[in-house]
Amino acid sequence: MTIETPGNFWKDYELVDSGHFEKLERFGRYYMSRPEPKALWDKSMSDEEWNRTVNVRFKPGAGFGKAGKEDSGTWEKVRKMDEQWAIRYGSPQKGLDLTLRLGLTAFKHVGVFPEQAPNWEYIYRNTAELVSMAAEKGAGRPKVLNLFAYTGAASLAAKAAGADVTHLDSVRQVVTWARNNMELSGLDNIRWVVEDALKFARREAKRGNLYQGIILDPPAYGHGPDGEKWKLDECLYDIMKCIAAILAPKDSFLVLNLYSNGYSAVLGETVVRQAFGLPADCPGIECGELVLKDRFGKNLPLSIFVRLRR
């Protein structure tokens, strides 16, 4: 199991401090304070220092932390700032250069999960390898499917590497947001799908369609565009069995990311192994945690990942 953090080269994002169930972050030129249930320790900076630094803070609303309302609330602006702004992610890997639009949503999110940067690097690197292999064989470009794709940074990483990308989310507004990020990043021709992820995966399995890369970052709870209910505990294994049927058996990769509290990397790896029928000694599978480190050296674990390359 490995622990991964974004590279120090990313100048447009920083976790400044964490503690007392909050985190202080910088996105571009703006600083914000948001609730963070995993920040169990003391802050390294004083409350006065936080208040002098922050542009905006998120105030939890009624029901915050309950199923379906985990991140609901409002933003309190302390200093003047734009409603929308953009940050750049320029990787040391040549060609992975993304521009992402950010904004203050009613659900604590701003349009990007910075801890996911190591996954973007993995997706870009492995997609680029598959593109090169396909070119040598005279084959078509590899197909990459991104489920629960949100505002699309992972989709953009795969597209920047040369894949044919299908981006799926059940919320039309975030798909529009992802399309805007594609245009800002100078990319094009991503296939956009607004649908329930499990329904789509089942249909693809029935059709026998295969993908060379599959990415999924399912929430703990959610709804499809037609009211389909998603509960991670009940649906994760089912969707992973569908994924096992549509991931190409050779020259392919999988990235599974999970945020749900109580889910460990070992649990995620076991789910993948069982869904794919992989033996315990199967090479090519790895798991770990995605972590942000603040200025004071405190590690804030935020999600777990499982990756499979074959």
C-alpha atoms as a PDB file:
ATOM      1  CA  MET A   1       0.000   0.000   0.000  1.00  0.00           C
ATOM      2  CA  THR A   2       1.320   3.428  -0.926  1.00  0.00           C
ATOM      3  CA  ILE A   3       0.627   7.015   0.158  1.00  0.00           C
ATOM      4  CA  GLU A   4       0.603   9.609  -2.614  1.00  0.00           C
ATOM      5  CA  THR A   5       0.380  13.410  -2.585  1.00  0.00           C
ATOM      6  CA  PRO A   6       0.276  16.051  -5.343  1.00  0.00           C
ATOM      7  CA  GLY A   7       3.698  17.130  -6.583  1.00  0.00           C
ATOM      8  CA  ASN A   8       5.370  20.284  -5.303  1.00  0.00           C
ATOM      9  CA  PHE A   9       5.356  21.604  -8.876  1.00  0.00           C
ATOM     10  CA  TRP A  10       1.628  22.470  -8.569  1.00  0.00           C
ATOM     11  CA  LYS A  11       1.831  26.171  -7.739  1.00  0.00           C
ATOM     12  CA  ASP A  12      -1.902  26.950  -7.990  1.00  0.00           C
ATOM     13  CA  TYR A  13      -2.933  24.771  -5.045  1.00  0.00           C
ATOM     14  CA  GLU A  14      -1.779  24.435  -1.440  1.00  0.00           C
ATOM     15  CA  LEU A  15      -3.156  22.950   1.770  1.00  0.00           C
ATOM     16  CA  VAL A  16      -2.053  25.692   4.148  1.00  0.00           C
ATOM     17  CA  ASP A  17      -3.215  24.282   7.486  1.00  0.00           C
ATOM     18  CA  SER A  18      -5.612  21.708   8.929  1.00  0.00           C
ATOM     19  CA  GLY A  19      -7.147  20.935  12.298  1.00  0.00           C
ATOM     20  CA  HIS A  20     -10.217  21.320  14.507  1.00  0.00           C
ATOM     21  CA  PHE A  21     -12.207  19.579  11.744  1.00  0.00           C
ATOM     22  CA  GLU A  22     -11.330  22.259   9.183  1.00  0.00           C
ATOM     23  CA  LYS A  23      -8.838  22.816   6.366  1.00  0.00           C
ATOM     24  CA  LEU A  24      -7.398  26.068   5.037  1.00  0.00           C
ATOM     25  CA  GLU A  25      -6.570  25.888   1.320  1.00  0.00           C
ATOM     26  CA  ARG A  26      -5.276  28.157  -1.426  1.00  0.00           C
ATOM     27  CA  PHE A  27      -6.714  27.786  -4.922  1.00  0.00           C
ATOM     28  CA  GLY A  28      -4.831  30.200  -7.146  1.00  0.00           C
ATOM     29  CA  ARG A  29      -4.932  33.581  -5.414  1.00  0.00           C
ATOM     30  CA  TYR A  30      -7.853  32.780  -3.095  1.00  0.00           C
ATOM     31  CA  TYR A  31      -7.832  31.193   0.358  1.00  0.00           C
ATOM     32  CA  MET A  32     -10.790  29.280   1.749  1.00  0.00           C
ATOM     33  CA  SER A  33     -11.731  27.444   4.927  1.00  0.00           C
ATOM     34  CA  ARG A  34     -13.898  24.338   4.661  1.00  0.00           C
ATOM     35  CA  PRO A  35     -15.087  21.659   7.123  1.00  0.00           C
ATOM     36  CA  GLU A  36     -12.952  18.529   7.124  1.00  0.00           C
ATOM     37  CA  PRO A  37     -14.125  15.679   9.399  1.00  0.00           C
ATOM     38  CA  LYS A  38     -10.784  13.868   9.097  1.00  0.00           C
ATOM     39  CA  ALA A  39      -8.748  16.784  10.535  1.00  0.00           C
ATOM     40  CA  LEU A  40      -8.917  15.505  14.107  1.00  0.00           C
ATOM     41  CA  TRP A  41      -5.849  17.352  15.399  1.00  0.00           C
ATOM     42  CA  ASP A  42      -5.094  20.938  16.466  1.00  0.00           C
ATOM     43  CA  LYS A  43      -4.531  23.723  13.973  1.00  0.00           C
ATOM     44  CA  SER A  44      -0.930  24.881  13.652  1.00  0.00           C
ATOM     45  CA  MET A  45      -2.004  28.465  12.964  1.00  0.00           C
ATOM     46  CA  SER A  46      -4.106  30.509  15.365  1.00  0.00           C
ATOM     47  CA  ASP A  47      -7.717  31.397  14.613  1.00  0.00           C
ATOM     48  CA  GLU A  48      -6.570  34.990  14.163  1.00  0.00           C
ATOM     49  CA  GLU A  49      -4.058  33.906  11.496  1.00  0.00           C
ATOM     50  CA  TRP A  50      -6.755  31.908   9.679  1.00  0.00           C
ATOM     51  CA  ASN A  51      -9.107  34.891   9.767  1.00  0.00           C
ATOM     52  CA  ARG A  52      -6.429  37.229   8.410  1.00  0.00           C
ATOM     53  CA  THR A  53      -5.710  34.806   5.561  1.00  0.00           C
ATOM     54  CA  VAL A  54      -9.089  33.545   4.396  1.00  0.00           C
ATOM     55  CA  ASN A  55     -11.172  35.026   1.562  1.00  0.00           C
ATOM     56  CA  VAL A  56     -14.197  32.793   2.081  1.00  0.00           C
ATOM     57  CA  ARG A  57     -15.380  30.130   4.522  1.00  0.00           C
ATOM     58  CA  PHE A  58     -18.003  27.442   4.190  1.00  0.00           C
ATOM     59  CA  LYS A  59     -20.770  27.427   6.808  1.00  0.00           C
ATOM     60  CA  PRO A  60     -22.526  24.062   7.219  1.00  0.00           C
ATOM     61  CA  GLY A  61     -26.302  24.062   6.881  1.00  0.00           C
ATOM     62  CA  ALA A  62     -29.073  22.097   8.543  1.00  0.00           C
ATOM     63  CA  GLY A  63     -28.562  18.386   8.026  1.00  0.00           C
ATOM     64  CA  PHE A  64     -24.862  18.740   7.213  1.00  0.00           C
ATOM     65  CA  GLY A  65     -23.208  15.343   7.560  1.00  0.00           C
ATOM     66  CA  LYS A  66     -26.400  13.355   6.986  1.00  0.00           C
ATOM     67  CA  ALA A  67     -26.933  11.076   4.005  1.00  0.00           C
ATOM     68  CA  GLY A  68     -27.861  13.170   0.993  1.00  0.00           C
ATOM     69  CA  LYS A  69     -26.873  16.407   2.745  1.00  0.00           C
ATOM     70  CA  GLU A  70     -23.265  15.572   3.611  1.00  0.00           C
ATOM     71  CA  ASP A  71     -21.825  18.835   2.301  1.00  0.00           C
ATOM     72  CA  SER A  72     -24.799  21.216   2.203  1.00  0.00           C
ATOM     73  CA  GLY A  73     -24.382  24.773   3.425  1.00  0.00           C
ATOM     74  CA  THR A  74     -23.462  28.304   2.373  1.00  0.00           C
ATOM     75  CA  TRP A  75     -20.336  30.352   1.742  1.00  0.00           C
ATOM     76  CA  GLU A  76     -19.458  33.413   3.831  1.00  0.00           C
ATOM     77  CA  LYS A  77     -17.202  35.848   1.996  1.00  0.00           C
ATOM     78  CA  VAL A  78     -14.681  37.543   4.249  1.00  0.00           C
ATOM     79  CA  ARG A  79     -12.767  39.386   1.517  1.00  0.00           C
ATOM     80  CA  LYS A  80     -13.586  40.282  -2.050  1.00  0.00           C
ATOM     81  CA  MET A  81     -13.185  37.504  -4.572  1.00  0.00           C
ATOM     82  CA  ASP A  82     -14.593  36.370  -7.922  1.00  0.00           C
ATOM     83  CA  GLU A  83     -17.545  34.002  -8.120  1.00  0.00           C
ATOM     84  CA  GLN A  84     -15.595  31.952 -10.662  1.00  0.00           C
ATOM     85  CA  TRP A  85     -11.884  31.733 -11.405  1.00  0.00           C
ATOM     86  CA  ALA A  86      -9.435  29.324 -13.020  1.00  0.00           C
ATOM     87  CA  ILE A  87      -6.330  27.472 -11.882  1.00  0.00           C
ATOM     88  CA  ARG A  88      -3.690  25.657 -13.921  1.00  0.00           C
ATOM     89  CA  TYR A  89      -2.284  22.193 -13.449  1.00  0.00           C
ATOM     90  CA  GLY A  90       0.982  21.889 -15.354  1.00  0.00           C
ATOM     91  CA  SER A  91       2.575  18.482 -14.917  1.00  0.00           C
ATOM     92  CA  PRO A  92       6.251  17.610 -15.442  1.00  0.00           C
ATOM     93  CA  GLN A  93       4.883  15.038 -17.900  1.00  0.00           C
ATOM     94  CA  LYS A  94       4.939  16.849 -21.214  1.00  0.00           C
ATOM     95  CA  GLY A  95       1.442  17.354 -22.575  1.00  0.00           C
ATOM     96  CA  LEU A  96      -0.467  17.199 -19.287  1.00  0.00           C
ATOM     97  CA  ASP A  97      -1.367  20.875 -18.895  1.00  0.00           C
ATOM     98  CA  LEU A  98      -4.908  21.533 -17.653  1.00  0.00           C
ATOM     99  CA  THR A  99      -6.912  24.657 -16.906  1.00  0.00           C
ATOM    100  CA  LEU A 100      -9.779  24.127 -14.479  1.00  0.00           C
ATOM    101  CA  ARG A 101     -12.588  26.557 -13.737  1.00  0.00           C
ATOM    102  CA  LEU A 102     -13.514  26.814 -10.061  1.00  0.00           C
ATOM    103  CA  GLY A 103     -16.585  28.195  -8.343  1.00  0.00           C
ATOM    104  CA  LEU A 104     -18.379  28.192  -4.990  1.00  0.00           C
ATOM    105  CA  THR A 105     -21.128  25.562  -4.939  1.00  0.00           C
ATOM    106  CA  ALA A 106     -23.819  24.892  -2.345  1.00  0.00           C
ATOM    107  CA  PHE A 107     -22.166  21.562  -1.535  1.00  0.00           C
ATOM    108  CA  LYS A 108     -18.787  22.696  -0.175  1.00  0.00           C
ATOM    109  CA  HIS A 109     -17.038  21.718  -3.404  1.00  0.00           C
ATOM    110  CA  VAL A 110     -15.289  24.135  -5.761  1.00  0.00           C
ATOM    111  CA  GLY A 111     -14.919  21.996  -8.886  1.00  0.00           C
ATOM    112  CA  VAL A 112     -11.712  20.086  -8.220  1.00  0.00           C
ATOM    113  CA  PHE A 113     -10.407  17.547  -5.695  1.00  0.00           C
ATOM    114  CA  PRO A 114      -6.681  18.402  -5.465  1.00  0.00           C
ATOM    115  CA  GLU A 115      -5.660  15.119  -3.842  1.00  0.00           C
ATOM    116  CA  GLN A 116      -6.634  13.418  -7.115  1.00  0.00           C
ATOM    117  CA  ALA A 117      -3.570  14.822  -8.901  1.00  0.00           C
ATOM    118  CA  PRO A 118      -1.577  11.542  -8.512  1.00  0.00           C
ATOM    119  CA  ASN A 119      -4.441   9.735 -10.260  1.00  0.00           C
ATOM    120  CA  TRP A 120      -4.330  12.260 -13.126  1.00  0.00           C
ATOM    121  CA  GLU A 121      -0.610  11.543 -13.482  1.00  0.00           C
ATOM    122  CA  TYR A 122      -1.251   7.768 -13.516  1.00  0.00           C
ATOM    123  CA  ILE A 123      -4.082   8.090 -16.043  1.00  0.00           C
ATOM    124  CA  TYR A 124      -2.039  10.291 -18.373  1.00  0.00           C
ATOM    125  CA  ARG A 125       1.065   8.075 -18.187  1.00  0.00           C
ATOM    126  CA  ASN A 126      -0.773   4.803 -18.762  1.00  0.00           C
ATOM    127  CA  THR A 127      -3.018   6.222 -21.480  1.00  0.00           C
ATOM    128  CA  ALA A 128       0.000   7.608 -23.319  1.00  0.00           C
ATOM    129  CA  GLU A 129       1.633   4.160 -23.193  1.00  0.00           C
ATOM    130  CA  LEU A 130      -1.498   2.533 -24.608  1.00  0.00           C
ATOM    131  CA  VAL A 131      -1.708   5.156 -27.359  1.00  0.00           C
ATOM    132  CA  SER A 132       1.906   4.461 -28.308  1.00  0.00           C
ATOM    133  CA  MET A 133       1.331   0.702 -28.326  1.00  0.00           C
ATOM    134  CA  ALA A 134      -1.785   1.088 -30.479  1.00  0.00           C
ATOM    135  CA  ALA A 135       0.086   3.282 -32.967  1.00  0.00           C
ATOM    136  CA  GLU A 136       2.843   0.667 -33.299  1.00  0.00           C
ATOM    137  CA  LYS A 137       0.230  -1.985 -34.083  1.00  0.00           C
ATOM    138  CA  GLY A 138      -1.680   0.260 -36.475  1.00  0.00           C
ATOM    139  CA  ALA A 139      -4.731   0.018 -34.205  1.00  0.00           C
ATOM    140  CA  GLY A 140      -7.232   2.710 -33.291  1.00  0.00           C
ATOM    141  CA  ARG A 141      -6.877   4.982 -30.301  1.00  0.00           C
ATOM    142  CA  PRO A 142      -7.615   3.371 -26.910  1.00  0.00           C
ATOM    143  CA  LYS A 143     -11.019   4.074 -25.416  1.00  0.00           C
ATOM    144  CA  VAL A 144     -11.245   5.424 -21.860  1.00  0.00           C
ATOM    145  CA  LEU A 145     -14.459   5.570 -19.823  1.00  0.00           C
ATOM    146  CA  ASN A 146     -14.776   7.908 -16.839  1.00  0.00           C
ATOM    147  CA  LEU A 147     -17.782   7.184 -14.598  1.00  0.00           C
ATOM    148  CA  PHE A 148     -19.053   9.549 -11.873  1.00  0.00           C
ATOM    149  CA  ALA A 149     -16.756  11.918 -13.714  1.00  0.00           C
ATOM    150  CA  TYR A 150     -17.713  15.253 -12.066  1.00  0.00           C
ATOM    151  CA  THR A 151     -15.936  18.257 -13.646  1.00  0.00           C
ATOM    152  CA  GLY A 152     -13.601  16.081 -15.643  1.00  0.00           C
ATOM    153  CA  ALA A 153      -9.948  16.512 -14.676  1.00  0.00           C
ATOM    154  CA  ALA A 154      -9.389  12.748 -15.073  1.00  0.00           C
ATOM    155  CA  SER A 155     -11.200  12.801 -18.437  1.00  0.00           C
ATOM    156  CA  LEU A 156      -8.952  15.660 -19.565  1.00  0.00           C
ATOM    157  CA  ALA A 157      -5.826  13.750 -18.495  1.00  0.00           C
ATOM    158  CA  ALA A 158      -6.867  10.773 -20.647  1.00  0.00           C
ATOM    159  CA  LYS A 159      -7.814  13.028 -23.556  1.00  0.00           C
ATOM    160  CA  ALA A 160      -4.548  14.954 -23.367  1.00  0.00           C
ATOM    161  CA  ALA A 161      -2.722  11.621 -23.691  1.00  0.00           C
ATOM    162  CA  GLY A 162      -4.581  10.852 -26.934  1.00  0.00           C
ATOM    163  CA  ALA A 163      -7.470   8.555 -25.964  1.00  0.00           C
ATOM    164  CA  ASP A 164     -11.067   8.516 -27.154  1.00  0.00           C
ATOM    165  CA  VAL A 165     -12.802   9.518 -23.926  1.00  0.00           C
ATOM    166  CA  THR A 166     -16.360   8.965 -22.700  1.00  0.00           C
ATOM    167  CA  HIS A 167     -17.240  11.172 -19.729  1.00  0.00           C
ATOM    168  CA  LEU A 168     -20.339  10.172 -17.736  1.00  0.00           C
ATOM    169  CA  ASP A 169     -22.071  11.879 -14.846  1.00  0.00           C
ATOM    170  CA  SER A 170     -25.715  11.929 -13.758  1.00  0.00           C
ATOM    171  CA  VAL A 171     -25.770  15.727 -13.239  1.00  0.00           C
ATOM    172  CA  ARG A 172     -26.078  17.764 -16.423  1.00  0.00           C
ATOM    173  CA  GLN A 173     -24.672  20.931 -14.821  1.00  0.00           C
ATOM    174  CA  VAL A 174     -21.355  19.307 -13.906  1.00  0.00           C
ATOM    175  CA  VAL A 175     -21.072  17.762 -17.372  1.00  0.00           C
ATOM    176  CA  THR A 176     -21.432  21.298 -18.769  1.00  0.00           C
ATOM    177  CA  TRP A 177     -18.744  22.398 -16.296  1.00  0.00           C
ATOM    178  CA  ALA A 178     -16.474  19.595 -17.534  1.00  0.00           C
ATOM    179  CA  ARG A 179     -17.035  20.654 -21.131  1.00  0.00           C
ATOM    180  CA  ASN A 180     -15.962  24.181 -20.173  1.00  0.00           C
ATOM    181  CA  ASN A 181     -12.782  22.770 -18.592  1.00  0.00           C
ATOM    182  CA  MET A 182     -12.069  20.859 -21.807  1.00  0.00           C
ATOM    183  CA  GLU A 183     -12.330  24.060 -23.840  1.00  0.00           C
ATOM    184  CA  LEU A 184     -10.202  26.039 -21.368  1.00  0.00           C
ATOM    185  CA  SER A 185      -7.544  23.308 -21.582  1.00  0.00           C
ATOM    186  CA  GLY A 186      -7.419  23.477 -25.396  1.00  0.00           C
ATOM    187  CA  LEU A 187      -8.866  19.977 -25.858  1.00  0.00           C
ATOM    188  CA  ASP A 188     -11.876  18.687 -27.807  1.00  0.00           C
ATOM    189  CA  ASN A 189     -13.976  15.707 -28.906  1.00  0.00           C
ATOM    190  CA  ILE A 190     -14.825  14.160 -25.557  1.00  0.00           C
ATOM    191  CA  ARG A 191     -18.053  12.161 -25.617  1.00  0.00           C
ATOM    192  CA  TRP A 192     -20.464  13.490 -22.966  1.00  0.00           C
ATOM    193  CA  VAL A 193     -23.086  11.226 -21.362  1.00  0.00           C
ATOM    194  CA  VAL A 194     -25.676  12.217 -18.732  1.00  0.00           C
ATOM    195  CA  GLU A 195     -26.873   8.914 -17.283  1.00  0.00           C
ATOM    196  CA  ASP A 196     -26.878   6.602 -14.311  1.00  0.00           C
ATOM    197  CA  ALA A 197     -23.437   4.951 -14.142  1.00  0.00           C
ATOM    198  CA  LEU A 198     -24.577   1.473 -13.122  1.00  0.00           C
ATOM    199  CA  LYS A 199     -27.273   1.393 -15.819  1.00  0.00           C
ATOM    200  CA  PHE A 200     -24.727   2.481 -18.443  1.00  0.00           C
ATOM    201  CA  ALA A 201     -22.134  -0.098 -17.321  1.00  0.00           C
ATOM    202  CA  ARG A 202     -24.701  -2.905 -17.421  1.00  0.00           C
ATOM    203  CA  ARG A 203     -25.756  -1.940 -20.927  1.00  0.00           C
ATOM    204  CA  GLU A 204     -22.173  -1.787 -22.147  1.00  0.00           C
ATOM    205  CA  ALA A 205     -21.540  -5.244 -20.679  1.00  0.00           C
ATOM    206  CA  LYS A 206     -24.578  -6.654 -22.512  1.00  0.00           C
ATOM    207  CA  ARG A 207     -23.362  -5.108 -25.758  1.00  0.00           C
ATOM    208  CA  GLY A 208     -19.884  -6.539 -25.297  1.00  0.00           C
ATOM    209  CA  ASN A 209     -18.232  -3.128 -25.556  1.00  0.00           C
ATOM    210  CA  LEU A 210     -14.675  -2.909 -24.213  1.00  0.00           C
ATOM    211  CA  TYR A 211     -12.561  -0.046 -22.921  1.00  0.00           C
ATOM    212  CA  GLN A 212      -8.799   0.106 -22.510  1.00  0.00           C
ATOM    213  CA  GLY A 213      -9.118   2.428 -19.523  1.00  0.00           C
ATOM    214  CA  ILE A 214     -11.879   2.782 -16.928  1.00  0.00           C
ATOM    215  CA  ILE A 215     -11.947   5.388 -14.167  1.00  0.00           C
ATOM    216  CA  LEU A 216     -14.597   5.608 -11.475  1.00  0.00           C
ATOM    217  CA  ASP A 217     -14.994   7.743  -8.376  1.00  0.00           C
ATOM    218  CA  PRO A 218     -18.405   6.798  -6.930  1.00  0.00           C
ATOM    219  CA  PRO A 219     -20.017   8.791  -4.101  1.00  0.00           C
ATOM    220  CA  ALA A 220     -21.398   7.313  -0.899  1.00  0.00           C
ATOM    221  CA  TYR A 221     -24.918   8.312  -1.973  1.00  0.00           C
ATOM    222  CA  GLY A 222     -26.361   9.678  -5.190  1.00  0.00           C
ATOM    223  CA  HIS A 223     -29.160   9.736  -7.727  1.00  0.00           C
ATOM    224  CA  GLY A 224     -29.276   9.145 -11.459  1.00  0.00           C
ATOM    225  CA  PRO A 225     -30.966  11.607 -13.829  1.00  0.00           C
ATOM    226  CA  ASP A 226     -34.200   9.562 -13.676  1.00  0.00           C
ATOM    227  CA  GLY A 227     -34.200   9.181  -9.893  1.00  0.00           C
ATOM    228  CA  GLU A 228     -32.115   5.991  -9.765  1.00  0.00           C
ATOM    229  CA  LYS A 229     -30.752   5.504  -6.252  1.00  0.00           C
ATOM    230  CA  TRP A 230     -27.068   4.888  -5.638  1.00  0.00           C
ATOM    231  CA  LYS A 231     -25.763   3.643  -2.291  1.00  0.00           C
ATOM    232  CA  LEU A 232     -22.088   2.726  -2.324  1.00  0.00           C
ATOM    233  CA  ASP A 233     -22.336  -0.170   0.139  1.00  0.00           C
ATOM    234  CA  GLU A 234     -25.058  -1.817  -1.930  1.00  0.00           C
ATOM    235  CA  CYS A 235     -23.902  -0.994  -5.457  1.00  0.00           C
ATOM    236  CA  LEU A 236     -20.091  -0.970  -5.479  1.00  0.00           C
ATOM    237  CA  TYR A 237     -19.560  -4.696  -5.996  1.00  0.00           C
ATOM    238  CA  ASP A 238     -22.280  -4.851  -8.668  1.00  0.00           C
ATOM    239  CA  ILE A 239     -20.748  -2.055 -10.716  1.00  0.00           C
ATOM    240  CA  MET A 240     -17.266  -3.517 -10.326  1.00  0.00           C
ATOM    241  CA  LYS A 241     -18.493  -6.819 -11.784  1.00  0.00           C
ATOM    242  CA  CYS A 242     -19.834  -4.853 -14.754  1.00  0.00           C
ATOM    243  CA  ILE A 243     -16.500  -3.047 -15.040  1.00  0.00           C
ATOM    244  CA  ALA A 244     -14.698  -6.403 -15.070  1.00  0.00           C
ATOM    245  CA  ALA A 245     -16.796  -7.363 -18.098  1.00  0.00           C
ATOM    246  CA  ILE A 246     -16.037  -4.195 -20.099  1.00  0.00           C
ATOM    247  CA  LEU A 247     -12.351  -3.612 -19.290  1.00  0.00           C
ATOM    248  CA  ALA A 248     -10.196  -5.079 -22.044  1.00  0.00           C
ATOM    249  CA  PRO A 249      -8.408  -8.207 -20.761  1.00  0.00           C
ATOM    250  CA  LYS A 250      -5.037  -7.036 -22.077  1.00  0.00           C
ATOM    251  CA  ASP A 251      -3.304  -3.666 -22.458  1.00  0.00           C
ATOM    252  CA  SER A 252      -5.726  -1.854 -20.169  1.00  0.00           C
ATOM    253  CA  PHE A 253      -5.959  -0.049 -16.834  1.00  0.00           C
ATOM    254  CA  LEU A 254      -8.463   0.636 -14.054  1.00  0.00           C
ATOM    255  CA  VAL A 255      -8.552   3.446 -11.501  1.00  0.00           C
ATOM    256  CA  LEU A 256     -11.051   3.168  -8.633  1.00  0.00           C
ATOM    257  CA  ASN A 257     -11.236   6.012  -6.107  1.00  0.00           C
ATOM    258  CA  LEU A 258     -13.334   5.964  -2.920  1.00  0.00           C
ATOM    259  CA  TYR A 259     -14.036   8.759  -0.434  1.00  0.00           C
ATOM    260  CA  SER A 260     -16.470   7.009   1.887  1.00  0.00           C
ATOM    261  CA  ASN A 261     -15.438   7.077   5.549  1.00  0.00           C
ATOM    262  CA  GLY A 262     -14.726   3.582   6.817  1.00  0.00           C
ATOM    263  CA  TYR A 263     -13.508   2.254   3.451  1.00  0.00           C
ATOM    264  CA  SER A 264      -9.897   1.137   3.526  1.00  0.00           C
ATOM    265  CA  ALA A 265      -7.493   0.589   0.660  1.00  0.00           C
ATOM    266  CA  VAL A 266      -7.414  -3.112   1.525  1.00  0.00           C
ATOM    267  CA  LEU A 267     -11.205  -3.295   1.274  1.00  0.00           C
ATOM    268  CA  GLY A 268     -11.123  -1.578  -2.121  1.00  0.00           C
ATOM    269  CA  GLU A 269      -8.418  -3.914  -3.375  1.00  0.00           C
ATOM    270  CA  THR A 270     -10.390  -6.960  -2.218  1.00  0.00           C
ATOM    271  CA  VAL A 271     -13.514  -5.719  -3.997  1.00  0.00           C
ATOM    272  CA  VAL A 272     -11.538  -5.340  -7.226  1.00  0.00           C
ATOM    273  CA  ARG A 273      -9.801  -8.708  -6.882  1.00  0.00           C
ATOM    274  CA  GLN A 274     -13.080 -10.518  -6.286  1.00  0.00           C
ATOM    275  CA  ALA A 275     -14.992  -8.707  -9.038  1.00  0.00           C
ATOM    276  CA  PHE A 276     -12.228  -9.466 -11.551  1.00  0.00           C
ATOM    277  CA  GLY A 277     -11.485 -12.967 -10.228  1.00  0.00           C
ATOM    278  CA  LEU A 278      -7.831 -12.107  -9.608  1.00  0.00           C
ATOM    279  CA  PRO A 279      -5.577 -14.419  -7.554  1.00  0.00           C
ATOM    280  CA  ALA A 280      -3.898 -13.062  -4.444  1.00  0.00           C
ATOM    281  CA  ASP A 281      -0.498 -13.032  -6.156  1.00  0.00           C
ATOM    282  CA  CYS A 282      -1.739 -11.260  -9.305  1.00  0.00           C
ATOM    283  CA  PRO A 283       0.745  -8.576 -10.430  1.00  0.00           C
ATOM    284  CA  GLY A 284      -0.335  -5.192 -11.698  1.00  0.00           C
ATOM    285  CA  ILE A 285      -2.676  -4.246  -8.857  1.00  0.00           C
ATOM    286  CA  GLU A 286      -1.857  -1.560  -6.319  1.00  0.00           C
ATOM    287  CA  CYS A 287      -3.751   0.305  -3.625  1.00  0.00           C
ATOM    288  CA  GLY A 288      -3.125   3.187  -1.279  1.00  0.00           C
ATOM    289  CA  GLU A 289      -4.274   6.529   0.084  1.00  0.00           C
ATOM    290  CA  LEU A 290      -4.365   9.967  -1.492  1.00  0.00           C
ATOM    291  CA  VAL A 291      -3.150  12.521   1.016  1.00  0.00           C
ATOM    292  CA  LEU A 292      -2.668  16.282   1.243  1.00  0.00           C
ATOM    293  CA  LYS A 293       0.207  17.603   3.359  1.00  0.00           C
ATOM    294  CA  ASP A 294      -0.111  21.060   4.907  1.00  0.00           C
ATOM    295  CA  ARG A 295       2.667  23.595   5.437  1.00  0.00           C
ATOM    296  CA  PHE A 296       3.342  22.169   8.883  1.00  0.00           C
ATOM    297  CA  GLY A 297       3.842  18.584   7.742  1.00  0.00           C
ATOM    298  CA  LYS A 298       0.487  17.192   8.846  1.00  0.00           C
ATOM    299  CA  ASN A 299      -0.840  14.512   6.493  1.00  0.00           C
ATOM    300  CA  LEU A 300      -4.566  14.705   5.754  1.00  0.00           C
ATOM    301  CA  PRO A 301      -5.846  11.422   4.217  1.00  0.00           C
ATOM    302  CA  LEU A 302      -8.822  12.049   1.956  1.00  0.00           C
ATOM    303  CA  SER A 303      -9.456   9.043  -0.276  1.00  0.00           C
ATOM    304  CA  ILE A 304      -8.282   5.557  -1.127  1.00  0.00           C
ATOM    305  CA  PHE A 305      -7.431   4.232  -4.572  1.00  0.00           C
ATOM    306  CA  VAL A 306      -7.089   0.891  -6.302  1.00  0.00           C
ATOM    307  CA  ARG A 307      -5.316   0.673  -9.674  1.00  0.00           C
ATOM    308  CA  LEU A 308      -5.021  -2.282 -11.988  1.00  0.00           C
ATOM    309  CA  ARG A 309      -2.779  -2.467 -15.044  1.00  0.00           C
ATOM    310  CA  ARG A 310      -2.784  -5.499 -17.320  1.00  0.00           C
END
